[in-house]
Amino acid sequence: MKIPPTASVCGLACRSCSVFIGSAEDPPRLRRLAELLGLSPEEVRCEGCRSSVVCASCTSCSFRDCAEARGVPFCGACADYPCEALKTFQAERPHRRDLWKDQERIALVGPEAWEEEQAARYRCPACGTRNSAYDLACRACGRDPSCPYVEEHREALAGYLASRPPRSSGSGTS
């Protein structure tokens, strides 16, 4: 099975992460995120969970380490899925709401097809720009909601963002 470097073990879509978007195509966003995290842009830069360039806050991913130790490609392939650690992780933030569905899709269609589905889920229907779950309005054209994922989970995403200290637009990390 070929696994793209942006198909995370836990089922998050790396390409829709604010850090990945900043690293791949939006350097000002990457600089804002680095500033918020108290790190340099190079320390924050990420090319996907399975790549050799991973955000400093993700270098010690317990899910990646666990999957490697158990010899499984994704959490959903583990005999202990879903474990308590993954349940806690999933419940902490609204961009993780669909991890169970995503693990099912990965098993059903494979990681490459799943990744293509995720690309469409986070793309602005009006202009085609990739957005993160925390870009409530499209970062390029301003369409609200920015993408199908935001449309589906807007209430939870907006509530989460409202509960956090004020940040500059588009700075939510995954």
C-alpha atoms as a PDB file:
ATOM      1  CA  MET A   1       0.000   0.000   0.000  1.00  0.00           C
ATOM      2  CA  LYS A   2       1.414   3.357  -1.019  1.00  0.00           C
ATOM      3  CA  ILE A   3       0.917   5.944   1.720  1.00  0.00           C
ATOM      4  CA  PRO A   4       1.369   9.639   0.889  1.00  0.00           C
ATOM      5  CA  PRO A   5       3.522  11.642   3.339  1.00  0.00           C
ATOM      6  CA  THR A   6       0.468  13.787   4.066  1.00  0.00           C
ATOM      7  CA  ALA A   7      -1.796  10.918   5.199  1.00  0.00           C
ATOM      8  CA  SER A   8      -1.428  10.989   8.963  1.00  0.00           C
ATOM      9  CA  VAL A   9      -1.563   7.872  11.107  1.00  0.00           C
ATOM     10  CA  CYS A  10      -4.445   9.256  13.207  1.00  0.00           C
ATOM     11  CA  GLY A  11      -6.602  10.211  10.216  1.00  0.00           C
ATOM     12  CA  LEU A  12      -6.113  13.958  10.071  1.00  0.00           C
ATOM     13  CA  ALA A  13      -5.769  15.461   6.620  1.00  0.00           C
ATOM     14  CA  CYS A  14      -2.307  17.063   6.683  1.00  0.00           C
ATOM     15  CA  ARG A  15      -2.953  19.133   3.559  1.00  0.00           C
ATOM     16  CA  SER A  16      -5.758  20.993   5.373  1.00  0.00           C
ATOM     17  CA  CYS A  17      -3.606  21.867   8.388  1.00  0.00           C
ATOM     18  CA  SER A  18      -2.779  25.556   8.899  1.00  0.00           C
ATOM     19  CA  VAL A  19       0.893  24.669   9.338  1.00  0.00           C
ATOM     20  CA  PHE A  20       0.986  22.636   6.124  1.00  0.00           C
ATOM     21  CA  ILE A  21      -0.829  25.385   4.205  1.00  0.00           C
ATOM     22  CA  GLY A  22       1.620  27.950   5.579  1.00  0.00           C
ATOM     23  CA  SER A  23       4.577  25.754   4.681  1.00  0.00           C
ATOM     24  CA  ALA A  24       3.369  24.901   1.183  1.00  0.00           C
ATOM     25  CA  GLU A  25       1.827  28.118  -0.044  1.00  0.00           C
ATOM     26  CA  ASP A  26       1.337  30.878   2.519  1.00  0.00           C
ATOM     27  CA  PRO A  27       4.625  32.067   4.098  1.00  0.00           C
ATOM     28  CA  PRO A  28       2.954  34.951   6.034  1.00  0.00           C
ATOM     29  CA  ARG A  29       0.672  32.388   7.693  1.00  0.00           C
ATOM     30  CA  LEU A  30       3.677  30.243   8.602  1.00  0.00           C
ATOM     31  CA  ARG A  31       5.409  33.271  10.145  1.00  0.00           C
ATOM     32  CA  ARG A  32       2.283  34.127  12.208  1.00  0.00           C
ATOM     33  CA  LEU A  33       2.028  30.544  13.436  1.00  0.00           C
ATOM     34  CA  ALA A  34       5.726  30.467  14.329  1.00  0.00           C
ATOM     35  CA  GLU A  35       5.326  33.711  16.257  1.00  0.00           C
ATOM     36  CA  LEU A  36       2.305  32.349  18.152  1.00  0.00           C
ATOM     37  CA  LEU A  37       4.225  29.192  19.029  1.00  0.00           C
ATOM     38  CA  GLY A  38       7.422  31.032  19.947  1.00  0.00           C
ATOM     39  CA  LEU A  39       9.389  29.148  17.295  1.00  0.00           C
ATOM     40  CA  SER A  40      11.159  29.994  14.070  1.00  0.00           C
ATOM     41  CA  PRO A  41       9.315  29.425  10.778  1.00  0.00           C
ATOM     42  CA  GLU A  42      11.781  26.599  10.003  1.00  0.00           C
ATOM     43  CA  GLU A  43      10.877  24.859  13.281  1.00  0.00           C
ATOM     44  CA  VAL A  44       7.178  25.095  12.440  1.00  0.00           C
ATOM     45  CA  ARG A  45       7.477  24.120   8.770  1.00  0.00           C
ATOM     46  CA  CYS A  46       5.828  20.810   7.865  1.00  0.00           C
ATOM     47  CA  GLU A  47       5.491  18.748   4.703  1.00  0.00           C
ATOM     48  CA  GLY A  48       3.193  16.115   6.220  1.00  0.00           C
ATOM     49  CA  CYS A  49       3.157  13.746   9.167  1.00  0.00           C
ATOM     50  CA  ARG A  50       5.047  11.027   7.323  1.00  0.00           C
ATOM     51  CA  SER A  51       7.632  13.328   5.723  1.00  0.00           C
ATOM     52  CA  SER A  52      11.121  14.134   6.968  1.00  0.00           C
ATOM     53  CA  VAL A  53      10.045  17.771   7.570  1.00  0.00           C
ATOM     54  CA  VAL A  54       7.602  17.813  10.486  1.00  0.00           C
ATOM     55  CA  CYS A  55       6.460  20.702  12.691  1.00  0.00           C
ATOM     56  CA  ALA A  56       8.387  20.818  15.972  1.00  0.00           C
ATOM     57  CA  SER A  57       5.188  20.240  17.940  1.00  0.00           C
ATOM     58  CA  CYS A  58       4.550  17.020  15.968  1.00  0.00           C
ATOM     59  CA  THR A  59       8.014  15.457  16.037  1.00  0.00           C
ATOM     60  CA  SER A  60       7.116  13.277  18.997  1.00  0.00           C
ATOM     61  CA  CYS A  61       3.721  12.067  17.764  1.00  0.00           C
ATOM     62  CA  SER A  62       2.659   9.199  20.008  1.00  0.00           C
ATOM     63  CA  PHE A  63       0.261   7.867  17.350  1.00  0.00           C
ATOM     64  CA  ARG A  64       2.968   7.646  14.710  1.00  0.00           C
ATOM     65  CA  ASP A  65       5.342   5.982  17.188  1.00  0.00           C
ATOM     66  CA  CYS A  66       2.652   3.553  18.365  1.00  0.00           C
ATOM     67  CA  ALA A  67       1.617   2.580  14.820  1.00  0.00           C
ATOM     68  CA  GLU A  68       5.242   1.971  13.883  1.00  0.00           C
ATOM     69  CA  ALA A  69       5.817  -0.186  16.974  1.00  0.00           C
ATOM     70  CA  ARG A  70       2.659  -2.219  16.260  1.00  0.00           C
ATOM     71  CA  GLY A  71       3.370  -2.505  12.537  1.00  0.00           C
ATOM     72  CA  VAL A  72       0.131  -0.867  11.394  1.00  0.00           C
ATOM     73  CA  PRO A  73      -0.142   1.926   8.809  1.00  0.00           C
ATOM     74  CA  PHE A  74      -3.051   3.772  10.482  1.00  0.00           C
ATOM     75  CA  CYS A  75      -4.685   3.808  13.915  1.00  0.00           C
ATOM     76  CA  GLY A  76      -7.796   2.234  12.392  1.00  0.00           C
ATOM     77  CA  ALA A  77      -5.810  -0.906  11.546  1.00  0.00           C
ATOM     78  CA  CYS A  78      -4.820  -1.475  15.188  1.00  0.00           C
ATOM     79  CA  ALA A  79      -6.452  -4.168  17.323  1.00  0.00           C
ATOM     80  CA  ASP A  80      -6.879  -1.573  20.115  1.00  0.00           C
ATOM     81  CA  TYR A  81      -8.599   1.023  17.888  1.00  0.00           C
ATOM     82  CA  PRO A  82      -9.912   3.367  19.068  1.00  0.00           C
ATOM     83  CA  CYS A  83      -7.651   3.584  22.090  1.00  0.00           C
ATOM     84  CA  GLU A  84      -8.227   5.994  24.952  1.00  0.00           C
ATOM     85  CA  ALA A  85      -5.415   8.286  23.761  1.00  0.00           C
ATOM     86  CA  LEU A  86      -7.028   8.625  20.319  1.00  0.00           C
ATOM     87  CA  LYS A  87     -10.478   9.186  21.866  1.00  0.00           C
ATOM     88  CA  THR A  88      -9.058  12.001  24.009  1.00  0.00           C
ATOM     89  CA  PHE A  89      -7.211  13.506  21.034  1.00  0.00           C
ATOM     90  CA  GLN A  90     -10.348  13.371  18.874  1.00  0.00           C
ATOM     91  CA  ALA A  91     -12.481  15.092  21.514  1.00  0.00           C
ATOM     92  CA  GLU A  92     -10.069  17.990  22.158  1.00  0.00           C
ATOM     93  CA  ARG A  93     -10.632  20.036  18.998  1.00  0.00           C
ATOM     94  CA  PRO A  94     -13.373  20.295  16.384  1.00  0.00           C
ATOM     95  CA  HIS A  95     -11.131  19.714  13.369  1.00  0.00           C
ATOM     96  CA  ARG A  96     -10.712  16.159  14.680  1.00  0.00           C
ATOM     97  CA  ARG A  97     -14.447  15.373  14.762  1.00  0.00           C
ATOM     98  CA  ASP A  98     -14.415  13.025  11.788  1.00  0.00           C
ATOM     99  CA  LEU A  99     -11.412  10.851  12.699  1.00  0.00           C
ATOM    100  CA  TRP A 100     -13.577   7.729  12.988  1.00  0.00           C
ATOM    101  CA  LYS A 101     -15.196   8.331   9.576  1.00  0.00           C
ATOM    102  CA  ASP A 102     -11.801   9.113   8.096  1.00  0.00           C
ATOM    103  CA  GLN A 103     -10.255   5.911   9.442  1.00  0.00           C
ATOM    104  CA  GLU A 104     -13.172   3.969   7.895  1.00  0.00           C
ATOM    105  CA  ARG A 105     -12.671   5.702   4.530  1.00  0.00           C
ATOM    106  CA  ILE A 106      -8.919   5.047   4.571  1.00  0.00           C
ATOM    107  CA  ALA A 107      -9.607   1.329   5.133  1.00  0.00           C
ATOM    108  CA  LEU A 108     -12.310   1.264   2.448  1.00  0.00           C
ATOM    109  CA  VAL A 109     -10.762   3.313  -0.398  1.00  0.00           C
ATOM    110  CA  GLY A 110      -7.068   3.459   0.535  1.00  0.00           C
ATOM    111  CA  PRO A 111      -4.940   6.401   1.650  1.00  0.00           C
ATOM    112  CA  GLU A 112      -4.423   7.989  -1.776  1.00  0.00           C
ATOM    113  CA  ALA A 113      -8.124   8.073  -2.689  1.00  0.00           C
ATOM    114  CA  TRP A 114      -8.997   9.218   0.838  1.00  0.00           C
ATOM    115  CA  GLU A 115      -6.506  12.057   0.524  1.00  0.00           C
ATOM    116  CA  GLU A 116      -8.162  13.169  -2.726  1.00  0.00           C
ATOM    117  CA  GLU A 117     -11.540  13.150  -0.983  1.00  0.00           C
ATOM    118  CA  GLN A 118     -10.103  15.286   1.805  1.00  0.00           C
ATOM    119  CA  ALA A 119      -8.654  17.751  -0.699  1.00  0.00           C
ATOM    120  CA  ALA A 120     -12.165  18.319  -2.065  1.00  0.00           C
ATOM    121  CA  ARG A 121     -13.607  18.607   1.433  1.00  0.00           C
ATOM    122  CA  TYR A 122     -11.328  21.510   2.343  1.00  0.00           C
ATOM    123  CA  ARG A 123     -11.355  23.286  -1.046  1.00  0.00           C
ATOM    124  CA  CYS A 124     -13.401  26.451  -1.554  1.00  0.00           C
ATOM    125  CA  PRO A 125     -16.225  25.654  -3.987  1.00  0.00           C
ATOM    126  CA  ALA A 126     -16.031  29.188  -5.408  1.00  0.00           C
ATOM    127  CA  CYS A 127     -12.311  29.625  -6.116  1.00  0.00           C
ATOM    128  CA  GLY A 128     -10.660  26.245  -5.402  1.00  0.00           C
ATOM    129  CA  THR A 129      -8.357  27.494  -2.636  1.00  0.00           C
ATOM    130  CA  ARG A 130      -7.357  24.981   0.033  1.00  0.00           C
ATOM    131  CA  ASN A 131      -8.485  26.086   3.508  1.00  0.00           C
ATOM    132  CA  SER A 132      -8.022  24.747   6.999  1.00  0.00           C
ATOM    133  CA  ALA A 133     -10.935  23.823   9.251  1.00  0.00           C
ATOM    134  CA  TYR A 134     -10.344  27.094  11.097  1.00  0.00           C
ATOM    135  CA  ASP A 135     -10.634  29.272   7.985  1.00  0.00           C
ATOM    136  CA  LEU A 136     -14.348  29.918   8.424  1.00  0.00           C
ATOM    137  CA  ALA A 137     -14.287  32.171   5.358  1.00  0.00           C
ATOM    138  CA  CYS A 138     -12.100  31.324   2.379  1.00  0.00           C
ATOM    139  CA  ARG A 139      -8.654  32.804   2.828  1.00  0.00           C
ATOM    140  CA  ALA A 140      -8.543  33.802  -0.854  1.00  0.00           C
ATOM    141  CA  CYS A 141     -12.013  34.901  -1.966  1.00  0.00           C
ATOM    142  CA  GLY A 142     -13.818  35.360   1.363  1.00  0.00           C
ATOM    143  CA  ARG A 143     -16.620  32.881   0.620  1.00  0.00           C
ATOM    144  CA  ASP A 144     -18.350  31.866   3.829  1.00  0.00           C
ATOM    145  CA  PRO A 145     -18.225  28.984   4.567  1.00  0.00           C
ATOM    146  CA  SER A 146     -14.773  28.353   3.167  1.00  0.00           C
ATOM    147  CA  CYS A 147     -15.298  24.683   2.349  1.00  0.00           C
ATOM    148  CA  PRO A 148     -17.616  21.708   2.875  1.00  0.00           C
ATOM    149  CA  TYR A 149     -15.907  20.729   6.156  1.00  0.00           C
ATOM    150  CA  VAL A 150     -16.525  24.179   7.642  1.00  0.00           C
ATOM    151  CA  GLU A 151     -20.097  24.149   6.372  1.00  0.00           C
ATOM    152  CA  GLU A 152     -20.710  20.826   8.129  1.00  0.00           C
ATOM    153  CA  HIS A 153     -19.005  21.729  11.425  1.00  0.00           C
ATOM    154  CA  ARG A 154     -19.305  25.525  11.530  1.00  0.00           C
ATOM    155  CA  GLU A 155     -20.999  25.777  14.917  1.00  0.00           C
ATOM    156  CA  ALA A 156     -18.349  23.704  16.722  1.00  0.00           C
ATOM    157  CA  LEU A 157     -15.474  25.431  14.887  1.00  0.00           C
ATOM    158  CA  ALA A 158     -16.800  28.938  15.576  1.00  0.00           C
ATOM    159  CA  GLY A 159     -17.424  28.067  19.234  1.00  0.00           C
ATOM    160  CA  TYR A 160     -13.894  26.743  19.609  1.00  0.00           C
ATOM    161  CA  LEU A 161     -12.369  29.819  17.966  1.00  0.00           C
ATOM    162  CA  ALA A 162     -14.504  32.161  20.102  1.00  0.00           C
ATOM    163  CA  SER A 163     -13.316  30.421  23.280  1.00  0.00           C
ATOM    164  CA  ARG A 164      -9.635  31.057  22.478  1.00  0.00           C
ATOM    165  CA  PRO A 165      -7.632  34.205  23.071  1.00  0.00           C
ATOM    166  CA  PRO A 166      -7.795  36.624  20.095  1.00  0.00           C
ATOM    167  CA  ARG A 167      -5.505  35.679  17.204  1.00  0.00           C
ATOM    168  CA  SER A 168      -4.912  37.028  13.774  1.00  0.00           C
ATOM    169  CA  SER A 169      -7.103  35.602  10.978  1.00  0.00           C
ATOM    170  CA  GLY A 170      -6.199  32.162   9.666  1.00  0.00           C
ATOM    171  CA  SER A 171      -3.894  31.225  12.520  1.00  0.00           C
ATOM    172  CA  GLY A 172      -5.687  28.200  13.911  1.00  0.00           C
ATOM    173  CA  THR A 173      -3.437  25.175  13.945  1.00  0.00           C
ATOM    174  CA  SER A 174      -4.472  21.632  13.705  1.00  0.00           C
END
